[in-house]
Protein backbone atom coordinates (compact mmCIF):
# COMPACT_ATOMS: atom_id res chain seq x y z
CA MET A 1 105.35 63.95 111.68
CA GLU A 2 106.88 67.37 112.16
CA LYS A 3 107.57 68.39 115.78
CA GLN A 4 106.27 65.10 117.21
CA GLY A 5 108.13 65.89 120.41
CA ARG A 6 105.60 68.63 121.15
CA HIS A 7 102.98 65.95 121.88
CA GLN A 8 105.03 64.09 124.47
CA ALA A 9 104.17 64.40 128.14
CA PRO A 10 105.36 67.77 129.46
CA ASP A 11 108.26 67.60 131.89
CA THR A 12 109.22 71.24 132.45
CA PRO A 13 107.38 74.06 134.21
CA GLN A 14 107.07 75.86 130.87
CA ASP A 15 105.57 72.80 129.17
CA ARG A 16 103.21 72.13 132.05
CA PHE A 17 101.85 75.66 131.75
CA ARG A 18 101.65 75.77 127.97
CA GLY A 19 100.20 72.31 127.63
CA PRO A 20 101.21 69.71 125.04
CA GLY A 21 100.70 70.74 121.45
CA SER A 22 99.59 74.26 122.38
CA GLY A 23 101.63 75.81 119.57
CA LEU A 24 102.76 78.68 121.80
CA LYS A 25 106.39 79.68 121.54
CA SER A 26 108.40 79.04 124.66
CA ILE A 27 108.36 81.95 127.10
CA PRO A 28 109.56 82.16 130.69
CA PHE A 29 107.11 80.52 133.06
CA GLN A 30 107.04 83.48 135.42
CA ALA A 31 106.09 85.80 132.52
CA VAL A 32 102.61 84.29 132.33
CA ALA A 33 101.65 83.81 135.96
CA PRO A 34 97.96 82.98 136.45
CA GLU A 35 95.96 86.19 136.32
CA LEU A 36 94.17 87.31 139.42
CA PRO A 37 90.39 86.86 139.53
CA VAL A 38 89.75 90.60 139.59
CA GLU A 39 86.42 92.08 138.55
CA ASN A 40 88.04 94.98 136.70
CA LEU A 41 90.41 94.02 133.91
CA VAL A 42 91.93 97.52 133.78
CA GLU A 43 92.39 99.87 136.73
CA VAL A 44 93.96 103.30 136.47
CA GLY A 45 94.62 104.88 139.87
CA ASP A 46 95.54 108.55 140.45
CA VAL A 47 97.73 108.65 137.33
CA ASP A 48 99.74 111.67 136.22
CA PHE A 49 101.89 111.75 133.10
CA SER A 50 104.11 114.41 131.56
CA TYR A 51 106.22 114.66 128.43
CA ASP A 52 109.34 116.33 129.85
CA VAL A 53 107.84 119.27 131.76
CA ARG A 54 104.54 119.39 129.85
CA PRO A 55 101.73 117.76 131.87
CA VAL A 56 99.41 115.58 129.76
CA LEU A 57 97.38 113.56 132.30
CA LYS A 58 96.37 114.78 135.75
CA GLY A 59 94.90 112.55 138.46
CA ILE A 60 93.23 110.00 136.16
CA ASN A 61 91.06 107.39 137.90
CA MET A 62 89.34 104.83 135.72
CA THR A 63 88.14 101.21 135.82
CA VAL A 64 87.22 98.92 132.94
CA PRO A 65 85.15 95.90 134.05
CA ARG A 66 85.69 92.55 132.38
CA GLY A 67 83.50 91.91 129.37
CA LYS A 68 82.45 95.54 128.92
CA VAL A 69 82.99 98.10 126.16
CA VAL A 70 84.21 101.39 127.62
CA SER A 71 84.77 104.60 125.69
CA ILE A 72 87.19 107.43 126.42
CA MET A 73 85.97 110.61 124.73
CA GLY A 74 87.25 114.14 124.39
CA LEU A 75 88.79 116.65 122.04
CA SER A 76 92.04 115.92 120.21
CA GLY A 77 95.03 116.48 122.47
CA CYS A 78 93.24 115.81 125.76
CA GLY A 79 95.36 112.71 126.54
CA LYS A 80 93.18 109.84 125.29
CA THR A 81 95.83 108.06 123.21
CA THR A 82 98.46 108.66 125.90
CA LEU A 83 96.21 106.74 128.28
CA LEU A 84 96.13 103.78 125.85
CA ARG A 85 99.93 103.85 125.69
CA LEU A 86 100.10 103.68 129.48
CA ILE A 87 97.77 100.66 129.53
CA GLY A 88 99.88 98.98 126.83
CA GLY A 89 103.08 99.67 128.74
CA THR A 90 104.86 101.68 126.04
CA ILE A 91 105.23 104.56 128.52
CA ARG A 92 105.22 104.71 132.32
CA PRO A 93 103.16 107.02 134.53
CA SER A 94 104.87 109.87 136.34
CA LYS A 95 102.64 109.08 139.31
CA GLY A 96 100.00 106.51 140.18
CA VAL A 97 99.41 102.95 138.98
CA VAL A 98 98.01 101.23 135.89
CA ARG A 99 96.91 97.62 136.41
CA VAL A 100 95.83 95.07 133.82
CA ALA A 101 94.48 91.73 135.08
CA GLY A 102 95.61 92.71 138.56
CA ARG A 103 99.23 93.42 137.59
CA ALA A 104 100.92 96.83 137.58
CA VAL A 105 101.95 97.20 133.94
CA HIS A 106 104.75 99.70 134.60
CA GLU A 107 106.37 97.33 137.12
CA LEU A 108 106.65 94.36 134.73
CA ASP A 109 110.05 93.33 133.38
CA GLN A 110 110.53 92.91 129.64
CA ASP A 111 109.48 89.25 129.48
CA ASP A 112 106.39 89.84 131.62
CA LEU A 113 105.41 92.89 129.58
CA TYR A 114 105.74 91.05 126.26
CA ALA A 115 103.65 88.19 127.65
CA MET A 116 101.00 90.67 128.76
CA ARG A 117 100.96 92.39 125.37
CA ARG A 118 100.36 89.07 123.62
CA ARG A 119 97.00 89.12 125.40
CA MET A 120 96.16 92.59 124.13
CA GLY A 121 94.97 93.68 120.70
CA MET A 122 95.35 97.18 119.29
CA LEU A 123 93.44 98.67 116.37
CA PHE A 124 95.46 101.68 115.28
CA GLN A 125 93.98 104.80 113.77
CA PHE A 126 93.59 104.23 109.99
CA GLY A 127 94.42 100.53 110.45
CA ALA A 128 98.20 100.63 109.93
CA LEU A 129 98.24 97.56 107.66
CA PHE A 130 101.51 96.32 106.20
CA THR A 131 101.26 97.75 102.69
CA ASP A 132 103.30 95.02 100.98
CA MET A 133 101.28 92.14 102.46
CA SER A 134 97.91 90.82 101.37
CA ALA A 135 94.91 90.99 103.69
CA PHE A 136 95.49 87.33 104.56
CA ASP A 137 99.19 87.81 105.38
CA ASN A 138 98.42 90.87 107.50
CA VAL A 139 96.17 88.73 109.69
CA ALA A 140 98.46 85.68 109.62
CA PHE A 141 101.48 87.78 110.64
CA GLN A 142 100.63 87.80 114.36
CA ILE A 143 99.90 84.08 114.42
CA ARG A 144 103.18 83.24 112.68
CA GLU A 145 105.14 85.64 114.88
CA HIS A 146 103.84 84.48 118.25
CA THR A 147 103.10 80.77 117.77
CA ASP A 148 104.68 77.65 116.32
CA LEU A 149 101.48 76.41 114.73
CA PRO A 150 101.76 74.55 111.40
CA GLU A 151 101.01 76.63 108.31
CA SER A 152 97.81 74.71 107.62
CA MET A 153 96.43 75.82 110.98
CA VAL A 154 97.69 79.38 110.47
CA GLN A 155 95.75 79.47 107.21
CA ASP A 156 92.57 78.21 108.86
CA LEU A 157 92.81 80.68 111.75
CA ALA A 158 93.57 83.68 109.54
CA LEU A 159 90.66 82.87 107.24
CA MET A 160 88.37 82.43 110.26
CA LYS A 161 89.29 85.90 111.51
CA LEU A 162 88.73 87.41 108.07
CA ASN A 163 85.41 85.58 107.87
CA ALA A 164 84.42 87.08 111.23
CA VAL A 165 84.74 90.58 109.74
CA GLY A 166 83.09 89.57 106.45
CA LEU A 167 86.23 89.64 104.29
CA ARG A 168 87.27 86.03 103.75
CA GLY A 169 86.66 86.60 100.03
CA ALA A 170 89.11 89.51 100.05
CA ALA A 171 91.98 87.52 101.57
CA HIS A 172 94.11 87.85 98.42
CA MET A 173 93.67 91.62 98.07
CA MET A 174 96.42 94.12 98.86
CA PRO A 175 95.80 97.11 101.16
CA SER A 176 95.92 99.49 98.17
CA GLU A 177 92.97 97.59 96.67
CA LEU A 178 90.79 97.90 99.78
CA SER A 179 88.35 100.67 100.58
CA GLY A 180 88.82 102.56 103.84
CA GLY A 181 86.15 100.50 105.58
CA MET A 182 87.53 97.22 104.27
CA ALA A 183 91.05 98.12 105.38
CA ARG A 184 89.78 98.91 108.86
CA ARG A 185 88.01 95.53 108.99
CA VAL A 186 91.19 93.69 107.94
CA ALA A 187 93.03 95.57 110.69
CA LEU A 188 90.33 94.46 113.13
CA ALA A 189 90.76 90.83 112.02
CA ARG A 190 94.50 91.19 112.67
CA THR A 191 93.77 92.72 116.09
CA ILE A 192 91.75 89.67 117.19
CA ALA A 193 94.07 87.10 115.59
CA LEU A 194 95.30 85.80 118.97
CA ASP A 195 91.94 86.10 120.78
CA PRO A 196 93.08 88.92 123.12
CA MET A 197 91.57 89.48 126.54
CA LEU A 198 91.77 93.26 126.03
CA ILE A 199 91.14 95.10 122.75
CA MET A 200 92.02 98.78 122.42
CA TYR A 201 90.73 100.96 119.59
CA ASP A 202 92.34 104.29 118.72
CA GLU A 203 89.78 106.38 116.77
CA PRO A 204 88.25 103.37 114.91
CA PHE A 205 85.64 105.50 113.08
CA THR A 206 87.92 108.20 111.66
CA GLY A 207 87.59 108.71 107.90
CA LEU A 208 84.79 106.19 107.41
CA ASP A 209 81.52 106.74 105.56
CA PRO A 210 78.28 106.22 107.54
CA ILE A 211 77.78 102.64 106.33
CA ALA A 212 81.35 101.57 107.08
CA MET A 213 81.13 103.34 110.43
CA GLY A 214 78.01 101.38 111.35
CA VAL A 215 79.63 98.10 110.26
CA ILE A 216 82.75 98.72 112.37
CA GLY A 217 80.67 99.73 115.38
CA ASP A 218 78.55 96.59 115.13
CA LEU A 219 81.66 94.41 114.78
CA ILE A 220 83.29 95.95 117.85
CA LYS A 221 80.26 95.11 119.96
CA LYS A 222 79.70 91.61 118.56
CA LEU A 223 83.36 90.56 118.64
CA ASN A 224 83.65 91.70 122.24
CA GLU A 225 80.75 89.42 123.15
CA VAL A 226 81.83 86.43 121.04
CA LEU A 227 85.47 86.52 122.19
CA GLY A 228 84.59 87.23 125.81
CA ALA A 229 86.95 90.18 125.60
CA THR A 230 87.03 93.64 127.16
CA SER A 231 87.27 96.71 124.92
CA ILE A 232 88.43 100.32 125.29
CA ILE A 233 87.50 102.76 122.52
CA VAL A 234 89.26 106.10 122.26
CA THR A 235 87.18 108.36 120.06
CA HIS A 236 85.66 111.77 119.46
CA ASP A 237 82.86 110.27 117.37
CA VAL A 238 80.13 110.63 119.93
CA GLN A 239 76.90 109.36 118.39
CA GLU A 240 78.32 106.15 116.91
CA SER A 241 80.16 105.29 120.12
CA LEU A 242 77.19 105.89 122.39
CA LYS A 243 75.29 103.20 120.46
CA ILE A 244 77.70 100.41 121.41
CA VAL A 245 79.48 101.24 124.67
CA ASP A 246 78.52 100.36 128.23
CA TYR A 247 80.26 103.25 129.96
CA VAL A 248 81.94 106.54 129.04
CA TYR A 249 84.79 108.57 130.50
CA PHE A 250 84.86 112.12 129.20
CA MET A 251 88.23 113.88 129.25
CA ALA A 252 89.28 117.51 128.87
CA ASP A 253 92.69 119.08 129.47
CA GLY A 254 94.19 115.81 130.69
CA ALA A 255 91.56 115.06 133.33
CA VAL A 256 88.30 113.09 133.56
CA VAL A 257 85.60 115.76 133.77
CA THR A 258 82.57 113.47 133.77
CA GLU A 259 81.67 109.80 133.45
CA GLY A 260 78.59 107.63 133.20
CA THR A 261 76.42 105.48 130.98
CA PRO A 262 75.60 106.65 127.43
CA ASP A 263 72.27 108.01 128.71
CA ASP A 264 74.06 109.91 131.48
CA ILE A 265 76.36 111.53 128.91
CA ARG A 266 73.48 112.46 126.60
CA ARG A 267 71.62 114.09 129.51
CA SER A 268 74.68 115.83 130.95
CA SER A 269 74.16 119.51 131.74
CA ALA A 270 77.90 120.19 132.00
CA PRO A 271 78.42 122.96 129.40
CA PHE A 272 81.54 121.45 127.80
CA VAL A 273 80.10 117.93 127.62
CA HIS A 274 76.78 119.19 126.25
CA GLN A 275 78.52 121.21 123.53
CA PHE A 276 80.71 118.26 122.56
CA VAL A 277 77.96 115.63 122.52
CA TRP A 278 75.50 117.71 120.49
CA GLY A 279 78.07 119.44 118.27
CA GLU A 280 76.95 122.93 119.22
CA PHE A 281 78.42 125.88 117.34
CA ASP A 282 79.51 127.87 120.38
CA GLY A 283 79.99 127.31 124.08
CA PRO A 284 82.91 126.73 126.46
CA MET A 285 84.89 125.98 123.28
CA PRO A 286 84.29 129.32 121.47
CA PHE A 287 83.95 129.62 117.72
CA HIS A 288 86.25 132.68 117.61
CA TYR A 289 89.88 132.26 118.58
CA PRO A 290 90.81 134.90 121.20
CA GLY A 291 92.12 138.14 119.72
CA LEU A 292 91.74 141.89 119.66
CA ALA A 293 88.31 143.42 119.34
CA ALA A 294 87.06 143.27 115.74
CA GLY A 295 86.75 147.07 115.65
CA ARG A 296 90.52 147.41 116.07
CA ASP A 297 91.26 145.20 113.05
CA PHE A 298 88.60 146.69 110.78
CA GLY A 299 89.18 150.31 111.70
CA VAL A 300 85.71 150.96 113.12
CA GLU A 301 84.46 151.90 116.52
CA ALA A 302 84.16 149.08 118.99
CA SER A 303 80.44 149.76 119.32
CA HIS A 304 79.98 148.82 115.64
CA ALA A 305 82.17 145.67 115.83
């Protein structure tokens, strides 16, 4: 049989860690050291971040307990996606520490970081499917890329993930043939292809109709429970998120301005949070962009403006 040697007794540190017949591609043993038994899967401590001289994040403190769904909310441009990039290790903090499973992500070398990322899943805004691959091949891509499993097992696993999001029957379809909600579900199946410990969602509800939005929200919650994963949702879709999350961090101008359970956020009396949550017309974020008095532009007295 093909690769019979994989089933022989392991005799190297790498083989002893991976286990016989695991299907995992060989990676340095030290890159996958046993994770610490920490209660919080993600810890962000006193983090600052700047693009050149432009500050984006200021003094961020945040914890994400294992098994929970945590949301990061706020207006566009407040630093939510930048925070996800710090957790994923694509950028490094200017100050402070970001830990995942007890390890400082920004201190990992390349092998350690790649090993850590294999245990993370990312659902990008609008899905980001490979346009020239079928739904099946989009999901199978991660499995083929990161394991040495036989193709028969790759097929079974990919179909199982598609079945989990209700789209096993659409496995043959191309991204151009999928509706927006279907494409997002295929992207979600790809995100969970390797059973990640941490799943990050960047605006998962954007551009979806109410039915598709409800389906995606329900899947996020159920998959987190079934996989025993931990999830972080970056979003400005308040009402849908508050239905499924356990805890919320609310950001404005690069800082956490309030945090709490969904009920805490709904009851918040902070003017900015209240305006954002209830979609109020005017408030700390004014309807009118600052400018000269209307009377100056329209040629009338200021008292009639």
